[in-house]
Amino acid sequence: MTPTRRSAWTATAVGVATALVLSACSSGSGDPEPEASGDSDGLTPVTLQLQWFTQAQFAGYIAAVEQGFYEDEGLDVEIVEGGVDIVPQSVLADGSVDYAIAWVPKALASREQGAGITDVAQIFQRSGTLQVAFADSGITSAADLRGKKVGNWGFGNEFELFAGMTEAGLDPATDVTLVQQQFDMNALLSGEIDAAQAMTYNEYAQVLEAVNPATGELYQPEDFTVVDWNDEGTAMLQDAIWANSERLASDAEYEETTVKFLKASLEGWIWVRDNPEEARDLVVAAGSQLGASHQLWQVNEVNKLVWPSPGGIGIIDESAWERTVDIALNTKNDQGATVITAEPSADAYTNEYVDKALEELRAEGVDVDGADFQAAEVTLEPGGN
């Protein structure tokens, strides 16, 4: 980490009860220092819960720490790493953290179960979820999944898939063979399943980092086909910044902090857009277990989900929100259950705070729309190294 900026990281892993906090102290010594208590250093302490392990999916927040954007807003932000047993929206709802990153459908389910949380900024404008198949499978759309062995992760990640199949006239319970998939692509590569769930920025890269036994070289994109839920019309909103609803309604200081936190977070994502290789380096230095080429691929693919951002980064588009809610209400999984059973309340999302953050950034001459964004070409190395 950059020693000239004060930062804190909390790593949370399965079976590890003690949090490990790493700090880069402002003196530049590089030695860990205790987490600051209160705001004795003049900065307001803030904790952000990620929904997964450290990777470029969260590059904007990492950049906001390391580039000093949070500090410039008077905040001392601690980023809490997620994991397989961490439900970020629940951690937020119980008061353990100040903000959390979560997919909208999963958070809506938690809200219906009593979690008082509000989407205050929609960072990913598009879905990054795919179904990936070998090119010779004949699978190019949701309709082609009929009679196939279809992998999915479950845990609330499956509803775009079920909505796509339903839209194509398939019954997910009878027309396909559903297979519980691990968070990797091994089952696809070994032929155990015909179509695997993947994120554009993660698992899809894994197949392109693997060696094709027929050629001895890495697999190429033309070796696969993808079903993209954005194209199928069943994409749901994913990474959003969630805040505590009760605190927004009753705590003026928390409201002010929310605007500051959003402004700095958006600056972080803007910096990632304009500095992808440097962003990759920050993610790797922050402790990602994935390799450098994989992380550069991930930065590039995540940028595609964020940019361009019509209306400004973080704005919650009403039509995309309504589509997500409609799918969550009406799409059944193979057990006949939907994500939610009733329309979410009015405080499920708001653009109030992100509008204020964008107003300040525009006044400073910052490009918050990224209309001219051009994705890079990334060369993956074996194993993502």
Protein backbone atom coordinates (compact mmCIF):
# COMPACT_ATOMS: atom_id res chain seq x y z
CA MET A 1 0.00 0.00 0.00
CA THR A 2 1.04 3.58 -0.52
CA PRO A 3 2.63 4.66 2.77
CA THR A 4 1.80 8.35 2.32
CA ARG A 5 -1.92 7.67 2.71
CA ARG A 6 -3.50 6.32 5.87
CA SER A 7 -5.60 3.23 5.20
CA ALA A 8 -7.00 0.22 7.00
CA TRP A 9 -8.02 -3.20 5.83
CA THR A 10 -9.86 -5.87 7.76
CA ALA A 11 -9.60 -9.37 6.34
CA THR A 12 -12.45 -11.73 7.22
CA ALA A 13 -12.05 -15.42 6.33
CA VAL A 14 -14.05 -18.58 7.03
CA GLY A 15 -13.13 -20.00 10.41
CA VAL A 16 -11.07 -17.00 11.40
CA ALA A 17 -12.51 -15.35 14.45
CA THR A 18 -9.92 -12.62 14.87
CA ALA A 19 -9.90 -9.74 12.40
CA LEU A 20 -6.55 -8.75 10.97
CA VAL A 21 -6.19 -5.03 10.50
CA LEU A 22 -3.39 -3.76 8.31
CA SER A 23 -2.52 -0.09 8.16
CA ALA A 24 -0.15 2.01 6.13
CA CYS A 25 0.80 4.72 8.55
CA SER A 26 1.22 8.31 7.44
CA SER A 27 4.81 8.38 8.69
CA GLY A 28 5.74 6.03 5.86
CA SER A 29 7.35 3.46 8.15
CA GLY A 30 5.14 0.69 6.74
CA ASP A 31 4.69 -0.84 10.21
CA PRO A 32 1.13 -1.80 11.26
CA GLU A 33 -0.45 0.69 13.63
CA PRO A 34 -3.56 0.27 15.79
CA GLU A 35 -6.86 1.28 14.28
CA ALA A 36 -7.70 4.84 15.23
CA SER A 37 -10.40 5.22 17.84
CA GLY A 38 -13.08 7.85 17.52
CA ASP A 39 -12.17 10.88 15.44
CA SER A 40 -9.18 12.04 17.47
CA ASP A 41 -7.18 12.38 14.25
CA GLY A 42 -9.76 14.78 12.89
CA LEU A 43 -11.20 12.23 10.48
CA THR A 44 -14.60 10.58 10.78
CA PRO A 45 -14.18 6.78 11.00
CA VAL A 46 -16.25 4.86 8.42
CA THR A 47 -16.44 1.12 7.72
CA LEU A 48 -17.36 -0.36 4.34
CA GLN A 49 -18.29 -4.04 4.04
CA LEU A 50 -17.40 -5.70 0.72
CA GLN A 51 -19.45 -8.63 -0.56
CA TRP A 52 -16.50 -10.78 -1.59
CA PHE A 53 -12.76 -11.16 -1.20
CA THR A 54 -10.38 -8.40 -2.25
CA GLN A 55 -10.37 -8.10 -6.05
CA ALA A 56 -10.81 -5.47 -8.75
CA GLN A 57 -14.58 -5.72 -8.45
CA PHE A 58 -13.97 -3.25 -5.61
CA ALA A 59 -11.13 -1.29 -7.20
CA GLY A 60 -12.91 2.05 -6.87
CA TYR A 61 -13.05 1.85 -3.07
CA ILE A 62 -9.47 0.63 -2.84
CA ALA A 63 -8.39 3.55 -5.04
CA ALA A 64 -10.39 6.02 -2.96
CA VAL A 65 -8.42 4.91 0.10
CA GLU A 66 -5.01 4.82 -1.54
CA GLN A 67 -5.40 8.03 -3.56
CA GLY A 68 -6.60 9.89 -0.49
CA PHE A 69 -10.08 10.73 -1.79
CA TYR A 70 -11.76 9.63 1.44
CA GLU A 71 -9.22 11.49 3.51
CA ASP A 72 -9.84 14.62 1.44
CA GLU A 73 -13.49 14.39 2.50
CA GLY A 74 -12.50 14.06 6.16
CA LEU A 75 -13.11 10.31 6.33
CA ASP A 76 -10.98 7.48 7.67
CA VAL A 77 -12.40 4.52 5.76
CA GLU A 78 -11.79 0.93 6.78
CA ILE A 79 -12.62 -1.63 4.08
CA VAL A 80 -13.84 -4.94 5.49
CA GLU A 81 -13.21 -7.90 3.20
CA GLY A 82 -16.09 -10.27 2.51
CA GLY A 83 -16.21 -14.03 2.10
CA VAL A 84 -18.45 -16.99 1.46
CA ASP A 85 -20.09 -16.72 4.89
CA ILE A 86 -20.51 -12.93 4.91
CA VAL A 87 -23.87 -11.34 4.03
CA PRO A 88 -22.91 -7.67 3.64
CA GLN A 89 -26.42 -6.25 3.83
CA SER A 90 -27.02 -8.10 7.10
CA VAL A 91 -23.76 -6.81 8.53
CA LEU A 92 -24.93 -3.32 7.60
CA ALA A 93 -28.42 -3.81 9.01
CA ASP A 94 -27.15 -4.98 12.40
CA GLY A 95 -25.00 -1.86 12.77
CA SER A 96 -21.60 -3.51 12.47
CA VAL A 97 -20.58 -1.31 9.51
CA ASP A 98 -21.64 2.03 8.06
CA TYR A 99 -22.03 1.03 4.39
CA ALA A 100 -22.02 -2.17 2.36
CA ILE A 101 -21.70 -3.36 -1.23
CA ALA A 102 -24.41 -5.80 -2.32
CA TRP A 103 -26.40 -6.93 -5.35
CA VAL A 104 -29.84 -5.36 -5.47
CA PRO A 105 -31.96 -8.58 -5.55
CA LYS A 106 -30.09 -10.06 -2.60
CA ALA A 107 -30.49 -6.83 -0.65
CA LEU A 108 -34.19 -6.64 -1.53
CA ALA A 109 -34.62 -10.13 -0.08
CA SER A 110 -32.88 -9.03 3.12
CA ARG A 111 -35.07 -5.91 3.29
CA GLU A 112 -38.19 -8.06 3.09
CA GLN A 113 -36.82 -10.04 6.03
CA GLY A 114 -36.43 -6.85 8.06
CA ALA A 115 -33.07 -5.34 7.11
CA GLY A 116 -33.35 -1.55 7.20
CA ILE A 117 -31.09 -0.66 4.27
CA THR A 118 -31.27 1.76 1.33
CA ASP A 119 -29.52 1.74 -2.04
CA VAL A 120 -27.83 5.14 -2.18
CA ALA A 121 -25.67 4.64 -5.29
CA GLN A 122 -25.83 2.16 -8.15
CA ILE A 123 -22.23 1.69 -9.23
CA PHE A 124 -22.67 -1.13 -11.76
CA GLN A 125 -25.01 0.08 -14.49
CA ARG A 126 -25.08 -3.30 -16.23
CA SER A 127 -25.10 -6.94 -15.18
CA GLY A 128 -21.85 -8.88 -15.38
CA THR A 129 -23.43 -12.35 -15.28
CA LEU A 130 -23.11 -14.84 -18.14
CA GLN A 131 -23.78 -18.47 -18.94
CA VAL A 132 -20.71 -19.80 -20.75
CA ALA A 133 -20.67 -22.87 -23.00
CA PHE A 134 -18.30 -24.44 -25.49
CA ALA A 135 -18.84 -23.14 -29.01
CA ASP A 136 -19.77 -26.59 -30.34
CA SER A 137 -22.61 -26.93 -27.78
CA GLY A 138 -25.07 -24.93 -29.88
CA ILE A 139 -25.93 -22.77 -26.86
CA THR A 140 -26.24 -19.14 -27.90
CA SER A 141 -29.41 -18.08 -26.06
CA ALA A 142 -31.50 -19.02 -23.04
CA ALA A 143 -33.80 -21.10 -25.25
CA ASP A 144 -30.86 -23.32 -26.18
CA LEU A 145 -30.48 -24.46 -22.57
CA ARG A 146 -33.40 -26.88 -22.95
CA GLY A 147 -32.28 -30.40 -22.09
CA LYS A 148 -28.82 -29.21 -20.98
CA LYS A 149 -26.92 -29.54 -17.73
CA VAL A 150 -26.88 -25.97 -16.46
CA GLY A 151 -24.58 -24.85 -13.67
CA ASN A 152 -25.43 -22.09 -11.23
CA TRP A 153 -24.08 -20.94 -7.89
CA GLY A 154 -27.36 -20.46 -6.07
CA PHE A 155 -27.26 -18.11 -3.05
CA GLY A 156 -29.39 -15.57 -4.93
CA ASN A 157 -27.13 -15.46 -7.98
CA GLU A 158 -29.46 -17.56 -10.12
CA PHE A 159 -32.50 -15.37 -10.79
CA GLU A 160 -31.27 -13.78 -14.02
CA LEU A 161 -30.76 -17.30 -15.35
CA PHE A 162 -34.21 -18.43 -14.21
CA ALA A 163 -35.81 -15.28 -15.60
CA GLY A 164 -34.05 -15.79 -18.94
CA MET A 165 -35.18 -19.40 -19.19
CA THR A 166 -38.73 -18.50 -18.18
CA GLU A 167 -38.81 -15.70 -20.77
CA ALA A 168 -37.67 -18.24 -23.37
CA GLY A 169 -40.54 -20.57 -22.46
CA LEU A 170 -38.52 -23.04 -20.38
CA ASP A 171 -39.50 -24.35 -16.96
CA PRO A 172 -36.31 -24.27 -14.85
CA ALA A 173 -37.65 -27.11 -12.72
CA THR A 174 -38.22 -29.57 -15.58
CA ASP A 175 -36.68 -28.42 -18.87
CA VAL A 176 -33.03 -28.34 -17.75
CA THR A 177 -30.86 -30.28 -15.36
CA LEU A 178 -29.67 -27.80 -12.74
CA VAL A 179 -26.25 -28.46 -11.25
CA GLN A 180 -24.86 -26.78 -8.13
CA GLN A 181 -21.71 -25.13 -9.44
CA GLN A 182 -18.63 -24.17 -7.46
CA PHE A 183 -17.25 -20.66 -7.84
CA ASP A 184 -14.96 -21.77 -10.66
CA MET A 185 -15.18 -23.17 -14.21
CA ASN A 186 -13.81 -26.65 -13.60
CA ALA A 187 -17.14 -28.40 -14.21
CA LEU A 188 -17.47 -26.76 -17.62
CA LEU A 189 -13.91 -27.48 -18.66
CA SER A 190 -14.23 -31.12 -17.60
CA GLY A 191 -17.51 -31.57 -19.45
CA GLU A 192 -19.61 -32.21 -16.34
CA ILE A 193 -21.98 -29.37 -17.27
CA ASP A 194 -22.96 -27.79 -20.59
CA ALA A 195 -23.26 -24.17 -19.48
CA ALA A 196 -21.60 -22.54 -16.50
CA GLN A 197 -22.46 -19.39 -14.61
CA ALA A 198 -19.70 -16.80 -14.79
CA MET A 199 -19.01 -13.15 -14.15
CA THR A 200 -17.48 -11.30 -17.08
CA TYR A 201 -14.75 -10.01 -14.80
CA ASN A 202 -13.88 -13.24 -13.02
CA GLU A 203 -14.95 -16.76 -13.99
CA TYR A 204 -15.10 -16.01 -17.73
CA ALA A 205 -11.45 -15.00 -17.52
CA GLN A 206 -10.70 -18.31 -15.82
CA VAL A 207 -11.61 -20.30 -18.94
CA LEU A 208 -9.44 -18.00 -21.04
CA GLU A 209 -6.54 -18.57 -18.63
CA ALA A 210 -6.80 -22.34 -19.01
CA VAL A 211 -4.86 -24.43 -21.52
CA ASN A 212 -6.82 -26.05 -24.34
CA PRO A 213 -5.56 -29.67 -24.38
CA ALA A 214 -6.26 -29.86 -28.12
CA THR A 215 -3.84 -27.04 -28.95
CA GLY A 216 -1.53 -26.72 -25.95
CA GLU A 217 -2.34 -23.00 -25.98
CA LEU A 218 -4.76 -20.94 -23.92
CA TYR A 219 -8.42 -21.15 -24.83
CA GLN A 220 -9.65 -18.25 -26.96
CA PRO A 221 -13.01 -16.41 -26.87
CA GLU A 222 -14.05 -18.12 -30.11
CA ASP A 223 -13.86 -21.47 -28.31
CA PHE A 224 -16.91 -20.46 -26.26
CA THR A 225 -20.33 -18.92 -26.57
CA VAL A 226 -21.94 -16.73 -23.92
CA VAL A 227 -25.51 -15.95 -22.98
CA ASP A 228 -25.55 -12.35 -21.73
CA TRP A 229 -28.58 -11.43 -19.62
CA ASN A 230 -28.28 -7.81 -20.73
CA ASP A 231 -29.01 -9.05 -24.26
CA GLU A 232 -31.73 -11.44 -23.09
CA GLY A 233 -33.56 -8.64 -21.28
CA THR A 234 -33.39 -10.20 -17.82
CA ALA A 235 -30.40 -8.37 -16.35
CA MET A 236 -30.72 -7.36 -12.70
CA LEU A 237 -28.88 -4.58 -10.90
CA GLN A 238 -25.77 -5.73 -9.11
CA ASP A 239 -23.11 -3.87 -7.11
CA ALA A 240 -24.66 -0.95 -5.25
CA ILE A 241 -23.69 1.04 -2.17
CA TRP A 242 -26.18 0.49 0.65
CA ALA A 243 -26.68 2.67 3.71
CA ASN A 244 -28.62 2.25 6.96
CA SER A 245 -32.21 3.46 6.37
CA GLU A 246 -32.92 4.43 9.99
CA ARG A 247 -29.75 6.46 10.28
CA LEU A 248 -30.51 8.26 7.02
CA ALA A 249 -33.91 9.20 8.40
CA SER A 250 -32.77 10.33 11.85
CA ASP A 251 -29.07 11.24 11.83
CA ALA A 252 -28.08 14.43 10.01
CA GLU A 253 -24.39 13.74 10.55
CA TYR A 254 -24.74 10.31 8.91
CA GLU A 255 -26.53 11.93 5.97
CA GLU A 256 -23.65 14.37 5.56
CA THR A 257 -21.12 11.56 5.84
CA THR A 258 -23.03 9.61 3.20
CA VAL A 259 -22.62 12.41 0.67
CA LYS A 260 -18.91 12.65 1.45
CA PHE A 261 -18.47 8.90 1.27
CA LEU A 262 -20.26 8.70 -2.06
CA LYS A 263 -18.32 11.60 -3.54
CA ALA A 264 -14.98 10.02 -2.65
CA SER A 265 -16.11 6.55 -3.78
CA LEU A 266 -17.19 7.94 -7.15
CA GLU A 267 -13.84 9.69 -7.46
CA GLY A 268 -12.21 6.33 -6.84
CA TRP A 269 -14.15 4.72 -9.68
CA ILE A 270 -13.39 7.64 -11.98
CA TRP A 271 -9.70 7.22 -11.19
CA VAL A 272 -9.95 3.49 -11.95
CA ARG A 273 -11.56 4.31 -15.30
CA ASP A 274 -8.68 6.60 -16.22
CA ASN A 275 -5.85 4.54 -14.67
CA PRO A 276 -6.62 0.83 -15.19
CA GLU A 277 -3.06 -0.49 -14.87
CA GLU A 278 -2.37 1.54 -11.74
CA ALA A 279 -5.69 0.36 -10.34
CA ARG A 280 -4.62 -3.22 -11.00
CA ASP A 281 -1.44 -2.59 -9.03
CA LEU A 282 -3.38 -1.20 -6.07
CA VAL A 283 -5.66 -4.24 -5.99
CA VAL A 284 -2.75 -6.65 -6.12
CA ALA A 285 -0.97 -4.72 -3.36
CA ALA A 286 -4.15 -4.75 -1.27
CA GLY A 287 -3.89 -8.52 -1.00
CA SER A 288 -5.80 -10.05 -3.89
CA GLN A 289 -5.15 -13.76 -4.25
CA LEU A 290 -5.62 -13.51 -8.03
CA GLY A 291 -2.80 -12.74 -10.45
CA ALA A 292 -1.86 -9.48 -12.13
CA SER A 293 -3.20 -10.24 -15.62
CA HIS A 294 -6.45 -11.55 -14.14
CA GLN A 295 -6.82 -8.38 -12.10
CA LEU A 296 -6.15 -6.15 -15.11
CA TRP A 297 -8.82 -8.10 -17.01
CA GLN A 298 -11.14 -7.60 -14.05
CA VAL A 299 -10.49 -3.86 -13.89
CA ASN A 300 -11.26 -3.60 -17.60
CA GLU A 301 -14.45 -5.67 -17.43
CA VAL A 302 -15.72 -3.89 -14.33
CA ASN A 303 -15.12 -0.57 -16.04
CA LYS A 304 -17.43 -1.79 -18.83
CA LEU A 305 -20.16 -2.38 -16.26
CA VAL A 306 -19.76 1.12 -14.82
CA TRP A 307 -19.04 3.21 -17.91
CA PRO A 308 -20.59 5.01 -19.59
CA SER A 309 -22.89 6.13 -16.78
CA PRO A 310 -25.76 8.13 -18.31
CA GLY A 311 -26.84 10.76 -15.83
CA GLY A 312 -23.67 10.30 -13.80
CA ILE A 313 -21.96 7.41 -12.03
CA GLY A 314 -23.99 6.04 -9.15
CA ILE A 315 -27.39 7.23 -10.36
CA ILE A 316 -30.09 4.59 -9.88
CA ASP A 317 -31.96 4.29 -13.17
CA GLU A 318 -35.67 3.91 -12.50
CA SER A 319 -36.33 1.56 -15.41
CA ALA A 320 -33.44 -0.74 -14.43
CA TRP A 321 -34.66 -0.70 -10.83
CA GLU A 322 -38.22 -1.55 -11.88
CA ARG A 323 -36.99 -4.40 -14.09
CA THR A 324 -34.97 -5.82 -11.19
CA VAL A 325 -37.94 -5.59 -8.84
CA ASP A 326 -40.26 -7.16 -11.44
CA ILE A 327 -37.93 -10.14 -11.91
CA ALA A 328 -37.48 -10.45 -8.15
CA LEU A 329 -41.25 -10.47 -7.67
CA ASN A 330 -42.30 -12.72 -10.51
CA THR A 331 -39.51 -15.13 -11.44
CA LYS A 332 -39.63 -18.46 -9.63
CA ASN A 333 -36.64 -20.66 -9.02
CA ASP A 334 -36.71 -24.44 -9.33
CA GLN A 335 -38.33 -24.63 -5.89
CA GLY A 336 -41.11 -22.24 -6.88
CA ALA A 337 -39.81 -19.38 -4.74
CA THR A 338 -39.32 -15.77 -5.78
CA VAL A 339 -36.73 -13.35 -4.42
CA ILE A 340 -39.39 -11.16 -2.80
CA THR A 341 -43.15 -11.44 -2.35
CA ALA A 342 -44.16 -7.76 -2.21
CA GLU A 343 -43.09 -4.45 -3.71
CA PRO A 344 -40.25 -2.88 -1.70
CA SER A 345 -41.05 0.23 0.29
CA ALA A 346 -40.27 3.71 -0.99
CA ASP A 347 -37.05 3.97 0.99
CA ALA A 348 -35.49 0.97 -0.79
CA TYR A 349 -33.50 3.38 -2.92
CA THR A 350 -32.83 7.07 -3.25
CA ASN A 351 -30.78 9.29 -5.56
CA GLU A 352 -30.81 12.14 -3.02
CA TYR A 353 -27.28 11.67 -1.74
CA VAL A 354 -25.58 10.62 -4.95
CA ASP A 355 -27.14 13.64 -6.69
CA LYS A 356 -25.44 15.90 -4.14
CA ALA A 357 -22.12 14.10 -4.59
CA LEU A 358 -22.35 14.40 -8.37
CA GLU A 359 -23.22 18.07 -8.12
CA GLU A 360 -20.01 18.72 -6.19
CA LEU A 361 -17.91 16.67 -8.61
CA ARG A 362 -19.38 18.43 -11.65
CA ALA A 363 -18.66 21.78 -10.02
CA GLU A 364 -15.03 20.67 -9.78
CA GLY A 365 -14.97 19.85 -13.49
CA VAL A 366 -14.87 16.06 -13.03
CA ASP A 367 -16.17 13.83 -15.84
CA VAL A 368 -18.85 11.81 -14.05
CA ASP A 369 -20.49 10.33 -17.16
CA GLY A 370 -17.57 8.69 -18.98
CA ALA A 371 -19.35 9.04 -22.32
CA ASP A 372 -16.04 8.66 -24.18
CA PHE A 373 -14.90 5.59 -22.24
CA GLN A 374 -13.10 3.01 -24.35
CA ALA A 375 -12.30 -0.41 -22.95
CA ALA A 376 -8.73 -1.66 -23.25
CA GLU A 377 -7.47 -4.90 -24.78
CA VAL A 378 -6.10 -7.18 -22.06
CA THR A 379 -3.85 -10.19 -22.64
CA LEU A 380 -4.42 -12.93 -20.09
CA GLU A 381 -1.55 -15.11 -18.91
CA PRO A 382 -1.80 -18.79 -17.94
CA GLY A 383 -3.53 -19.01 -14.59
CA GLY A 384 -4.08 -15.25 -14.63
CA ASN A 385 -0.53 -14.54 -13.47
